[in-house]
mmCIF file of all heavy atoms, coordinates in Angstrom:
data_MODEL
# 
_entry.id   MODEL 
# 
loop_
_atom_site.group_PDB 
_atom_site.id 
_atom_site.type_symbol 
_atom_site.label_atom_id 
_atom_site.label_alt_id 
_atom_site.label_comp_id 
_atom_site.label_asym_id 
_atom_site.label_entity_id 
_atom_site.label_seq_id 
_atom_site.pdbx_PDB_ins_code 
_atom_site.Cartn_x 
_atom_site.Cartn_y 
_atom_site.Cartn_z 
_atom_site.occupancy 
_atom_site.B_iso_or_equiv 
_atom_site.pdbx_formal_charge 
_atom_site.auth_seq_id 
_atom_site.auth_comp_id 
_atom_site.auth_asym_id 
_atom_site.auth_atom_id 
_atom_site.pdbx_PDB_model_num 
ATOM 1   N N   . ASP A 1 1  ? 13.829  -2.466  -23.731 1.00 0.00 ? 1  ASP A N   1 
ATOM 2   C CA  . ASP A 1 1  ? 12.994  -1.462  -24.387 1.00 0.00 ? 1  ASP A CA  1 
ATOM 3   C C   . ASP A 1 1  ? 12.790  -0.274  -23.459 1.00 0.00 ? 1  ASP A C   1 
ATOM 4   O O   . ASP A 1 1  ? 12.301  -0.417  -22.339 1.00 0.00 ? 1  ASP A O   1 
ATOM 5   C CB  . ASP A 1 1  ? 11.633  -2.069  -24.762 1.00 0.00 ? 1  ASP A CB  1 
ATOM 6   C CG  . ASP A 1 1  ? 11.761  -3.198  -25.767 1.00 0.00 ? 1  ASP A CG  1 
ATOM 7   O OD1 . ASP A 1 1  ? 12.203  -2.923  -26.889 1.00 0.00 ? 1  ASP A OD1 1 
ATOM 8   O OD2 . ASP A 1 1  ? 11.436  -4.346  -25.417 1.00 0.00 ? 1  ASP A OD2 1 
ATOM 9   N N   . ASP A 1 2  ? 13.167  0.908   -23.934 1.00 0.00 ? 2  ASP A N   1 
ATOM 10  C CA  . ASP A 1 2  ? 13.071  2.120   -23.127 1.00 0.00 ? 2  ASP A CA  1 
ATOM 11  C C   . ASP A 1 2  ? 11.738  2.798   -23.391 1.00 0.00 ? 2  ASP A C   1 
ATOM 12  O O   . ASP A 1 2  ? 11.541  3.442   -24.419 1.00 0.00 ? 2  ASP A O   1 
ATOM 13  C CB  . ASP A 1 2  ? 14.229  3.062   -23.478 1.00 0.00 ? 2  ASP A CB  1 
ATOM 14  C CG  . ASP A 1 2  ? 14.253  4.292   -22.569 1.00 0.00 ? 2  ASP A CG  1 
ATOM 15  O OD1 . ASP A 1 2  ? 13.373  4.388   -21.692 1.00 0.00 ? 2  ASP A OD1 1 
ATOM 16  O OD2 . ASP A 1 2  ? 15.134  5.139   -22.757 1.00 0.00 ? 2  ASP A OD2 1 
ATOM 17  N N   . LEU A 1 3  ? 10.812  2.628   -22.459 1.00 0.00 ? 3  LEU A N   1 
ATOM 18  C CA  . LEU A 1 3  ? 9.486   3.242   -22.591 1.00 0.00 ? 3  LEU A CA  1 
ATOM 19  C C   . LEU A 1 3  ? 9.281   4.351   -21.568 1.00 0.00 ? 3  LEU A C   1 
ATOM 20  O O   . LEU A 1 3  ? 8.158   4.796   -21.338 1.00 0.00 ? 3  LEU A O   1 
ATOM 21  C CB  . LEU A 1 3  ? 8.400   2.171   -22.422 1.00 0.00 ? 3  LEU A CB  1 
ATOM 22  C CG  . LEU A 1 3  ? 8.383   1.057   -23.479 1.00 0.00 ? 3  LEU A CG  1 
ATOM 23  C CD1 . LEU A 1 3  ? 7.323   0.021   -23.141 1.00 0.00 ? 3  LEU A CD1 1 
ATOM 24  C CD2 . LEU A 1 3  ? 8.139   1.617   -24.870 1.00 0.00 ? 3  LEU A CD2 1 
ATOM 25  N N   . VAL A 1 4  ? 10.381  4.813   -20.954 1.00 0.00 ? 4  VAL A N   1 
ATOM 26  C CA  . VAL A 1 4  ? 10.280  5.888   -19.974 1.00 0.00 ? 4  VAL A CA  1 
ATOM 27  C C   . VAL A 1 4  ? 9.722   7.135   -20.659 1.00 0.00 ? 4  VAL A C   1 
ATOM 28  O O   . VAL A 1 4  ? 10.213  7.562   -21.696 1.00 0.00 ? 4  VAL A O   1 
ATOM 29  C CB  . VAL A 1 4  ? 11.652  6.211   -19.358 1.00 0.00 ? 4  VAL A CB  1 
ATOM 30  C CG1 . VAL A 1 4  ? 11.550  7.431   -18.444 1.00 0.00 ? 4  VAL A CG1 1 
ATOM 31  C CG2 . VAL A 1 4  ? 12.184  5.013   -18.581 1.00 0.00 ? 4  VAL A CG2 1 
ATOM 32  N N   . GLY A 1 5  ? 8.662   7.686   -20.088 1.00 0.00 ? 5  GLY A N   1 
ATOM 33  C CA  . GLY A 1 5  ? 8.066   8.893   -20.638 1.00 0.00 ? 5  GLY A CA  1 
ATOM 34  C C   . GLY A 1 5  ? 7.207   8.654   -21.863 1.00 0.00 ? 5  GLY A C   1 
ATOM 35  O O   . GLY A 1 5  ? 6.745   9.611   -22.496 1.00 0.00 ? 5  GLY A O   1 
ATOM 36  N N   . ALA A 1 6  ? 6.970   7.389   -22.217 1.00 0.00 ? 6  ALA A N   1 
ATOM 37  C CA  . ALA A 1 6  ? 6.143   7.091   -23.389 1.00 0.00 ? 6  ALA A CA  1 
ATOM 38  C C   . ALA A 1 6  ? 4.714   7.571   -23.166 1.00 0.00 ? 6  ALA A C   1 
ATOM 39  O O   . ALA A 1 6  ? 4.234   7.650   -22.032 1.00 0.00 ? 6  ALA A O   1 
ATOM 40  C CB  . ALA A 1 6  ? 6.157   5.586   -23.670 1.00 0.00 ? 6  ALA A CB  1 
ATOM 41  N N   . GLU A 1 7  ? 4.039   7.897   -24.222 1.00 0.00 ? 7  GLU A N   1 
ATOM 42  C CA  . GLU A 1 7  ? 2.656   8.362   -24.126 1.00 0.00 ? 7  GLU A CA  1 
ATOM 43  C C   . GLU A 1 7  ? 1.774   7.468   -24.987 1.00 0.00 ? 7  GLU A C   1 
ATOM 44  O O   . GLU A 1 7  ? 2.062   7.239   -26.165 1.00 0.00 ? 7  GLU A O   1 
ATOM 45  C CB  . GLU A 1 7  ? 2.544   9.814   -24.593 1.00 0.00 ? 7  GLU A CB  1 
ATOM 46  C CG  . GLU A 1 7  ? 1.147   10.391  -24.410 1.00 0.00 ? 7  GLU A CG  1 
ATOM 47  C CD  . GLU A 1 7  ? 1.081   11.881  -24.685 1.00 0.00 ? 7  GLU A CD  1 
ATOM 48  O OE1 . GLU A 1 7  ? 2.150   12.482  -24.896 1.00 0.00 ? 7  GLU A OE1 1 
ATOM 49  O OE2 . GLU A 1 7  ? -0.025  12.436  -24.671 1.00 0.00 ? 7  GLU A OE2 1 
ATOM 50  N N   . PHE A 1 8  ? 0.726   6.943   -24.381 1.00 0.00 ? 8  PHE A N   1 
ATOM 51  C CA  . PHE A 1 8  ? -0.218  6.097   -25.093 1.00 0.00 ? 8  PHE A CA  1 
ATOM 52  C C   . PHE A 1 8  ? -1.524  6.870   -25.209 1.00 0.00 ? 8  PHE A C   1 
ATOM 53  O O   . PHE A 1 8  ? -2.152  7.197   -24.202 1.00 0.00 ? 8  PHE A O   1 
ATOM 54  C CB  . PHE A 1 8  ? -0.448  4.780   -24.329 1.00 0.00 ? 8  PHE A CB  1 
ATOM 55  C CG  . PHE A 1 8  ? 0.806   3.962   -24.120 1.00 0.00 ? 8  PHE A CG  1 
ATOM 56  C CD1 . PHE A 1 8  ? 1.609   4.165   -23.006 1.00 0.00 ? 8  PHE A CD1 1 
ATOM 57  C CD2 . PHE A 1 8  ? 1.175   2.999   -25.041 1.00 0.00 ? 8  PHE A CD2 1 
ATOM 58  C CE1 . PHE A 1 8  ? 2.756   3.425   -22.806 1.00 0.00 ? 8  PHE A CE1 1 
ATOM 59  C CE2 . PHE A 1 8  ? 2.318   2.246   -24.857 1.00 0.00 ? 8  PHE A CE2 1 
ATOM 60  C CZ  . PHE A 1 8  ? 3.119   2.456   -23.743 1.00 0.00 ? 8  PHE A CZ  1 
ATOM 61  N N   . VAL A 1 9  ? -1.933  7.173   -26.428 1.00 0.00 ? 9  VAL A N   1 
ATOM 62  C CA  . VAL A 1 9  ? -3.149  7.946   -26.656 1.00 0.00 ? 9  VAL A CA  1 
ATOM 63  C C   . VAL A 1 9  ? -4.134  7.084   -27.428 1.00 0.00 ? 9  VAL A C   1 
ATOM 64  O O   . VAL A 1 9  ? -3.837  6.598   -28.528 1.00 0.00 ? 9  VAL A O   1 
ATOM 65  C CB  . VAL A 1 9  ? -2.847  9.238   -27.442 1.00 0.00 ? 9  VAL A CB  1 
ATOM 66  C CG1 . VAL A 1 9  ? -4.142  10.025  -27.661 1.00 0.00 ? 9  VAL A CG1 1 
ATOM 67  C CG2 . VAL A 1 9  ? -1.831  10.091  -26.698 1.00 0.00 ? 9  VAL A CG2 1 
ATOM 68  N N   . GLU A 1 10 ? -5.302  6.855   -26.839 1.00 0.00 ? 10 GLU A N   1 
ATOM 69  C CA  . GLU A 1 10 ? -6.336  6.016   -27.431 1.00 0.00 ? 10 GLU A CA  1 
ATOM 70  C C   . GLU A 1 10 ? -5.773  4.651   -27.851 1.00 0.00 ? 10 GLU A C   1 
ATOM 71  O O   . GLU A 1 10 ? -6.182  4.065   -28.851 1.00 0.00 ? 10 GLU A O   1 
ATOM 72  C CB  . GLU A 1 10 ? -6.999  6.717   -28.625 1.00 0.00 ? 10 GLU A CB  1 
ATOM 73  C CG  . GLU A 1 10 ? -7.714  8.005   -28.226 1.00 0.00 ? 10 GLU A CG  1 
ATOM 74  C CD  . GLU A 1 10 ? -8.446  8.666   -29.386 1.00 0.00 ? 10 GLU A CD  1 
ATOM 75  O OE1 . GLU A 1 10 ? -8.400  8.107   -30.501 1.00 0.00 ? 10 GLU A OE1 1 
ATOM 76  O OE2 . GLU A 1 10 ? -9.054  9.721   -29.170 1.00 0.00 ? 10 GLU A OE2 1 
ATOM 77  N N   . ALA A 1 11 ? -4.795  4.169   -27.076 1.00 0.00 ? 11 ALA A N   1 
ATOM 78  C CA  . ALA A 1 11 ? -4.184  2.867   -27.367 1.00 0.00 ? 11 ALA A CA  1 
ATOM 79  C C   . ALA A 1 11 ? -5.028  1.756   -26.762 1.00 0.00 ? 11 ALA A C   1 
ATOM 80  O O   . ALA A 1 11 ? -5.615  1.909   -25.688 1.00 0.00 ? 11 ALA A O   1 
ATOM 81  C CB  . ALA A 1 11 ? -2.774  2.817   -26.793 1.00 0.00 ? 11 ALA A CB  1 
ATOM 82  N N   . ASN A 1 12 ? -5.095  0.643   -27.459 1.00 0.00 ? 12 ASN A N   1 
ATOM 83  C CA  . ASN A 1 12 ? -5.851  -0.507  -26.974 1.00 0.00 ? 12 ASN A CA  1 
ATOM 84  C C   . ASN A 1 12 ? -4.893  -1.454  -26.262 1.00 0.00 ? 12 ASN A C   1 
ATOM 85  O O   . ASN A 1 12 ? -4.137  -2.188  -26.898 1.00 0.00 ? 12 ASN A O   1 
ATOM 86  C CB  . ASN A 1 12 ? -6.533  -1.222  -28.144 1.00 0.00 ? 12 ASN A CB  1 
ATOM 87  C CG  . ASN A 1 12 ? -7.456  -2.346  -27.677 1.00 0.00 ? 12 ASN A CG  1 
ATOM 88  O OD1 . ASN A 1 12 ? -7.492  -2.675  -26.492 1.00 0.00 ? 12 ASN A OD1 1 
ATOM 89  N ND2 . ASN A 1 12 ? -8.205  -2.913  -28.599 1.00 0.00 ? 12 ASN A ND2 1 
ATOM 90  N N   . LEU A 1 13 ? -4.922  -1.420  -24.934 1.00 0.00 ? 13 LEU A N   1 
ATOM 91  C CA  . LEU A 1 13 ? -4.066  -2.286  -24.130 1.00 0.00 ? 13 LEU A CA  1 
ATOM 92  C C   . LEU A 1 13 ? -4.882  -3.377  -23.444 1.00 0.00 ? 13 LEU A C   1 
ATOM 93  O O   . LEU A 1 13 ? -4.432  -3.969  -22.465 1.00 0.00 ? 13 LEU A O   1 
ATOM 94  C CB  . LEU A 1 13 ? -3.316  -1.458  -23.079 1.00 0.00 ? 13 LEU A CB  1 
ATOM 95  C CG  . LEU A 1 13 ? -2.356  -0.391  -23.622 1.00 0.00 ? 13 LEU A CG  1 
ATOM 96  C CD1 . LEU A 1 13 ? -1.745  0.399   -22.470 1.00 0.00 ? 13 LEU A CD1 1 
ATOM 97  C CD2 . LEU A 1 13 ? -1.259  -1.018  -24.464 1.00 0.00 ? 13 LEU A CD2 1 
ATOM 98  N N   . ARG A 1 14 ? -6.076  -3.630  -23.973 1.00 0.00 ? 14 ARG A N   1 
ATOM 99  C CA  . ARG A 1 14 ? -6.940  -4.626  -23.351 1.00 0.00 ? 14 ARG A CA  1 
ATOM 100 C C   . ARG A 1 14 ? -6.225  -5.974  -23.287 1.00 0.00 ? 14 ARG A C   1 
ATOM 101 O O   . ARG A 1 14 ? -5.684  -6.456  -24.271 1.00 0.00 ? 14 ARG A O   1 
ATOM 102 C CB  . ARG A 1 14 ? -8.228  -4.770  -24.152 1.00 0.00 ? 14 ARG A CB  1 
ATOM 103 C CG  . ARG A 1 14 ? -9.215  -5.772  -23.551 1.00 0.00 ? 14 ARG A CG  1 
ATOM 104 C CD  . ARG A 1 14 ? -10.500 -5.805  -24.342 1.00 0.00 ? 14 ARG A CD  1 
ATOM 105 N NE  . ARG A 1 14 ? -11.190 -4.517  -24.305 1.00 0.00 ? 14 ARG A NE  1 
ATOM 106 C CZ  . ARG A 1 14 ? -12.357 -4.292  -24.928 1.00 0.00 ? 14 ARG A CZ  1 
ATOM 107 N NH1 . ARG A 1 14 ? -12.924 -5.260  -25.627 1.00 0.00 ? 14 ARG A NH1 1 
ATOM 108 N NH2 . ARG A 1 14 ? -12.929 -3.110  -24.846 1.00 0.00 ? 14 ARG A NH2 1 
ATOM 109 N N   . GLY A 1 15 ? -6.232  -6.562  -22.088 1.00 0.00 ? 15 GLY A N   1 
ATOM 110 C CA  . GLY A 1 15 ? -5.609  -7.862  -21.888 1.00 0.00 ? 15 GLY A CA  1 
ATOM 111 C C   . GLY A 1 15 ? -4.093  -7.823  -21.774 1.00 0.00 ? 15 GLY A C   1 
ATOM 112 O O   . GLY A 1 15 ? -3.464  -8.866  -21.647 1.00 0.00 ? 15 GLY A O   1 
ATOM 113 N N   . ALA A 1 16 ? -3.489  -6.633  -21.823 1.00 0.00 ? 16 ALA A N   1 
ATOM 114 C CA  . ALA A 1 16 ? -2.033  -6.535  -21.690 1.00 0.00 ? 16 ALA A CA  1 
ATOM 115 C C   . ALA A 1 16 ? -1.609  -7.010  -20.306 1.00 0.00 ? 16 ALA A C   1 
ATOM 116 O O   . ALA A 1 16 ? -2.373  -6.923  -19.339 1.00 0.00 ? 16 ALA A O   1 
ATOM 117 C CB  . ALA A 1 16 ? -1.573  -5.095  -21.921 1.00 0.00 ? 16 ALA A CB  1 
ATOM 118 N N   . ARG A 1 17 ? -0.387  -7.493  -20.202 1.00 0.00 ? 17 ARG A N   1 
ATOM 119 C CA  . ARG A 1 17 ? 0.127   -8.020  -18.940 1.00 0.00 ? 17 ARG A CA  1 
ATOM 120 C C   . ARG A 1 17 ? 1.475   -7.368  -18.657 1.00 0.00 ? 17 ARG A C   1 
ATOM 121 O O   . ARG A 1 17 ? 2.370   -7.394  -19.490 1.00 0.00 ? 17 ARG A O   1 
ATOM 122 C CB  . ARG A 1 17 ? 0.273   -9.544  -19.030 1.00 0.00 ? 17 ARG A CB  1 
ATOM 123 C CG  . ARG A 1 17 ? 0.653   -10.220 -17.724 1.00 0.00 ? 17 ARG A CG  1 
ATOM 124 C CD  . ARG A 1 17 ? 0.713   -11.736 -17.930 1.00 0.00 ? 17 ARG A CD  1 
ATOM 125 N NE  . ARG A 1 17 ? 1.062   -12.438 -16.711 1.00 0.00 ? 17 ARG A NE  1 
ATOM 126 C CZ  . ARG A 1 17 ? 0.187   -12.833 -15.804 1.00 0.00 ? 17 ARG A CZ  1 
ATOM 127 N NH1 . ARG A 1 17 ? -1.092  -12.590 -15.969 1.00 0.00 ? 17 ARG A NH1 1 
ATOM 128 N NH2 . ARG A 1 17 ? 0.585   -13.483 -14.721 1.00 0.00 ? 17 ARG A NH2 1 
ATOM 129 N N   . PHE A 1 18 ? 1.606   -6.771  -17.471 1.00 0.00 ? 18 PHE A N   1 
ATOM 130 C CA  . PHE A 1 18 ? 2.843   -6.142  -17.044 1.00 0.00 ? 18 PHE A CA  1 
ATOM 131 C C   . PHE A 1 18 ? 3.412   -6.972  -15.893 1.00 0.00 ? 18 PHE A C   1 
ATOM 132 O O   . PHE A 1 18 ? 2.773   -7.109  -14.856 1.00 0.00 ? 18 PHE A O   1 
ATOM 133 C CB  . PHE A 1 18 ? 2.593   -4.705  -16.580 1.00 0.00 ? 18 PHE A CB  1 
ATOM 134 C CG  . PHE A 1 18 ? 1.993   -3.815  -17.645 1.00 0.00 ? 18 PHE A CG  1 
ATOM 135 C CD1 . PHE A 1 18 ? 0.623   -3.760  -17.852 1.00 0.00 ? 18 PHE A CD1 1 
ATOM 136 C CD2 . PHE A 1 18 ? 2.806   -3.033  -18.450 1.00 0.00 ? 18 PHE A CD2 1 
ATOM 137 C CE1 . PHE A 1 18 ? 0.063   -2.948  -18.829 1.00 0.00 ? 18 PHE A CE1 1 
ATOM 138 C CE2 . PHE A 1 18 ? 2.272   -2.217  -19.425 1.00 0.00 ? 18 PHE A CE2 1 
ATOM 139 C CZ  . PHE A 1 18 ? 0.897   -2.171  -19.630 1.00 0.00 ? 18 PHE A CZ  1 
ATOM 140 N N   . VAL A 1 19 ? 4.600   -7.528  -16.083 1.00 0.00 ? 19 VAL A N   1 
ATOM 141 C CA  . VAL A 1 19 ? 5.206   -8.399  -15.081 1.00 0.00 ? 19 VAL A CA  1 
ATOM 142 C C   . VAL A 1 19 ? 6.504   -7.775  -14.582 1.00 0.00 ? 19 VAL A C   1 
ATOM 143 O O   . VAL A 1 19 ? 7.400   -7.468  -15.363 1.00 0.00 ? 19 VAL A O   1 
ATOM 144 C CB  . VAL A 1 19 ? 5.495   -9.803  -15.659 1.00 0.00 ? 19 VAL A CB  1 
ATOM 145 C CG1 . VAL A 1 19 ? 6.122   -10.693 -14.599 1.00 0.00 ? 19 VAL A CG1 1 
ATOM 146 C CG2 . VAL A 1 19 ? 4.213   -10.434 -16.201 1.00 0.00 ? 19 VAL A CG2 1 
ATOM 147 N N   . GLU A 1 20 ? 6.595   -7.558  -13.252 1.00 0.00 ? 20 GLU A N   1 
ATOM 148 C CA  . GLU A 1 20 ? 7.777   -6.980  -12.629 1.00 0.00 ? 20 GLU A CA  1 
ATOM 149 C C   . GLU A 1 20 ? 8.251   -5.733  -13.376 1.00 0.00 ? 20 GLU A C   1 
ATOM 150 O O   . GLU A 1 20 ? 9.437   -5.550  -13.638 1.00 0.00 ? 20 GLU A O   1 
ATOM 151 C CB  . GLU A 1 20 ? 8.896   -8.024  -12.526 1.00 0.00 ? 20 GLU A CB  1 
ATOM 152 C CG  . GLU A 1 20 ? 8.536   -9.175  -11.602 1.00 0.00 ? 20 GLU A CG  1 
ATOM 153 C CD  . GLU A 1 20 ? 9.671   -10.164 -11.394 1.00 0.00 ? 20 GLU A CD  1 
ATOM 154 O OE1 . GLU A 1 20 ? 10.819  -9.813  -11.703 1.00 0.00 ? 20 GLU A OE1 1 
ATOM 155 O OE2 . GLU A 1 20 ? 9.397   -11.269 -10.918 1.00 0.00 ? 20 GLU A OE2 1 
ATOM 156 N N   . SER A 1 21 ? 7.305   -4.887  -13.751 1.00 0.00 ? 21 SER A N   1 
ATOM 157 C CA  . SER A 1 21 ? 7.605   -3.666  -14.495 1.00 0.00 ? 21 SER A CA  1 
ATOM 158 C C   . SER A 1 21 ? 7.568   -2.461  -13.574 1.00 0.00 ? 21 SER A C   1 
ATOM 159 O O   . SER A 1 21 ? 6.840   -2.445  -12.578 1.00 0.00 ? 21 SER A O   1 
ATOM 160 C CB  . SER A 1 21 ? 6.594   -3.481  -15.638 1.00 0.00 ? 21 SER A CB  1 
ATOM 161 O OG  . SER A 1 21 ? 6.658   -4.562  -16.551 1.00 0.00 ? 21 SER A OG  1 
ATOM 162 N N   . ASP A 1 22 ? 8.359   -1.450  -13.913 1.00 0.00 ? 22 ASP A N   1 
ATOM 163 C CA  . ASP A 1 22 ? 8.405   -0.222  -13.132 1.00 0.00 ? 22 ASP A CA  1 
ATOM 164 C C   . ASP A 1 22 ? 7.360   0.742   -13.664 1.00 0.00 ? 22 ASP A C   1 
ATOM 165 O O   . ASP A 1 22 ? 7.519   1.336   -14.728 1.00 0.00 ? 22 ASP A O   1 
ATOM 166 C CB  . ASP A 1 22 ? 9.806   0.399   -13.239 1.00 0.00 ? 22 ASP A CB  1 
ATOM 167 C CG  . ASP A 1 22 ? 9.987   1.592   -12.298 1.00 0.00 ? 22 ASP A CG  1 
ATOM 168 O OD1 . ASP A 1 22 ? 8.965   2.098   -11.779 1.00 0.00 ? 22 ASP A OD1 1 
ATOM 169 O OD2 . ASP A 1 22 ? 11.132  2.028   -12.092 1.00 0.00 ? 22 ASP A OD2 1 
ATOM 170 N N   . LEU A 1 23 ? 6.263   0.894   -12.922 1.00 0.00 ? 23 LEU A N   1 
ATOM 171 C CA  . LEU A 1 23 ? 5.173   1.789   -13.317 1.00 0.00 ? 23 LEU A CA  1 
ATOM 172 C C   . LEU A 1 23 ? 5.042   2.968   -12.358 1.00 0.00 ? 23 LEU A C   1 
ATOM 173 O O   . LEU A 1 23 ? 3.994   3.616   -12.293 1.00 0.00 ? 23 LEU A O   1 
ATOM 174 C CB  . LEU A 1 23 ? 3.850   1.018   -13.379 1.00 0.00 ? 23 LEU A CB  1 
ATOM 175 C CG  . LEU A 1 23 ? 3.797   -0.150  -14.378 1.00 0.00 ? 23 LEU A CG  1 
ATOM 176 C CD1 . LEU A 1 23 ? 2.456   -0.863  -14.272 1.00 0.00 ? 23 LEU A CD1 1 
ATOM 177 C CD2 . LEU A 1 23 ? 4.025   0.330   -15.789 1.00 0.00 ? 23 LEU A CD2 1 
ATOM 178 N N   . ARG A 1 24 ? 6.116   3.266   -11.629 1.00 0.00 ? 24 ARG A N   1 
ATOM 179 C CA  . ARG A 1 24 ? 6.070   4.383   -10.682 1.00 0.00 ? 24 ARG A CA  1 
ATOM 180 C C   . ARG A 1 24 ? 5.795   5.690   -11.415 1.00 0.00 ? 24 ARG A C   1 
ATOM 181 O O   . ARG A 1 24 ? 6.394   5.984   -12.439 1.00 0.00 ? 24 ARG A O   1 
ATOM 182 C CB  . ARG A 1 24 ? 7.394   4.493   -9.928  1.00 0.00 ? 24 ARG A CB  1 
ATOM 183 C CG  . ARG A 1 24 ? 7.615   3.408   -8.891  1.00 0.00 ? 24 ARG A CG  1 
ATOM 184 C CD  . ARG A 1 24 ? 9.016   3.492   -8.303  1.00 0.00 ? 24 ARG A CD  1 
ATOM 185 N NE  . ARG A 1 24 ? 10.031  3.226   -9.325  1.00 0.00 ? 24 ARG A NE  1 
ATOM 186 C CZ  . ARG A 1 24 ? 11.348  3.301   -9.116  1.00 0.00 ? 24 ARG A CZ  1 
ATOM 187 N NH1 . ARG A 1 24 ? 11.798  3.670   -7.927  1.00 0.00 ? 24 ARG A NH1 1 
ATOM 188 N NH2 . ARG A 1 24 ? 12.196  3.030   -10.094 1.00 0.00 ? 24 ARG A NH2 1 
ATOM 189 N N   . GLY A 1 25 ? 4.874   6.470   -10.858 1.00 0.00 ? 25 GLY A N   1 
ATOM 190 C CA  . GLY A 1 25 ? 4.575   7.773   -11.413 1.00 0.00 ? 25 GLY A CA  1 
ATOM 191 C C   . GLY A 1 25 ? 3.749   7.751   -12.688 1.00 0.00 ? 25 GLY A C   1 
ATOM 192 O O   . GLY A 1 25 ? 3.535   8.796   -13.301 1.00 0.00 ? 25 GLY A O   1 
ATOM 193 N N   . VAL A 1 26 ? 3.264   6.578   -13.096 1.00 0.00 ? 26 VAL A N   1 
ATOM 194 C CA  . VAL A 1 26 ? 2.430   6.493   -14.296 1.00 0.00 ? 26 VAL A CA  1 
ATOM 195 C C   . VAL A 1 26 ? 1.149   7.287   -14.072 1.00 0.00 ? 26 VAL A C   1 
ATOM 196 O O   . VAL A 1 26 ? 0.530   7.214   -13.012 1.00 0.00 ? 26 VAL A O   1 
ATOM 197 C CB  . VAL A 1 26 ? 2.102   5.022   -14.626 1.00 0.00 ? 26 VAL A CB  1 
ATOM 198 C CG1 . VAL A 1 26 ? 0.999   4.930   -15.671 1.00 0.00 ? 26 VAL A CG1 1 
ATOM 199 C CG2 . VAL A 1 26 ? 3.347   4.300   -15.126 1.00 0.00 ? 26 VAL A CG2 1 
ATOM 200 N N   . VAL A 1 27 ? 0.764   8.069   -15.061 1.00 0.00 ? 27 VAL A N   1 
ATOM 201 C CA  . VAL A 1 27 ? -0.459  8.870   -14.989 1.00 0.00 ? 27 VAL A CA  1 
ATOM 202 C C   . VAL A 1 27 ? -1.448  8.332   -16.019 1.00 0.00 ? 27 VAL A C   1 
ATOM 203 O O   . VAL A 1 27 ? -1.117  8.181   -17.193 1.00 0.00 ? 27 VAL A O   1 
ATOM 204 C CB  . VAL A 1 27 ? -0.168  10.364  -15.274 1.00 0.00 ? 27 VAL A CB  1 
ATOM 205 C CG1 . VAL A 1 27 ? -1.475  11.154  -15.303 1.00 0.00 ? 27 VAL A CG1 1 
ATOM 206 C CG2 . VAL A 1 27 ? 0.778   10.924  -14.214 1.00 0.00 ? 27 VAL A CG2 1 
ATOM 207 N N   . MET A 1 28 ? -2.656  8.016   -15.573 1.00 0.00 ? 28 MET A N   1 
ATOM 208 C CA  . MET A 1 28 ? -3.705  7.537   -16.473 1.00 0.00 ? 28 MET A CA  1 
ATOM 209 C C   . MET A 1 28 ? -4.893  8.476   -16.368 1.00 0.00 ? 28 MET A C   1 
ATOM 210 O O   . MET A 1 28 ? -5.350  8.785   -15.266 1.00 0.00 ? 28 MET A O   1 
ATOM 211 C CB  . MET A 1 28 ? -4.134  6.114   -16.091 1.00 0.00 ? 28 MET A CB  1 
ATOM 212 C CG  . MET A 1 28 ? -3.022  5.095   -16.080 1.00 0.00 ? 28 MET A CG  1 
ATOM 213 S SD  . MET A 1 28 ? -3.631  3.429   -15.715 1.00 0.00 ? 28 MET A SD  1 
ATOM 214 C CE  . MET A 1 28 ? -2.202  2.735   -14.882 1.00 0.00 ? 28 MET A CE  1 
# 
């Protein structure tokens, strides 16, 4: 799944789990 550059606006990610994922440069 290609989520590079994806934008999450008012998204509910409560309890989400990221395992061995590339989150470099993520802006929150």
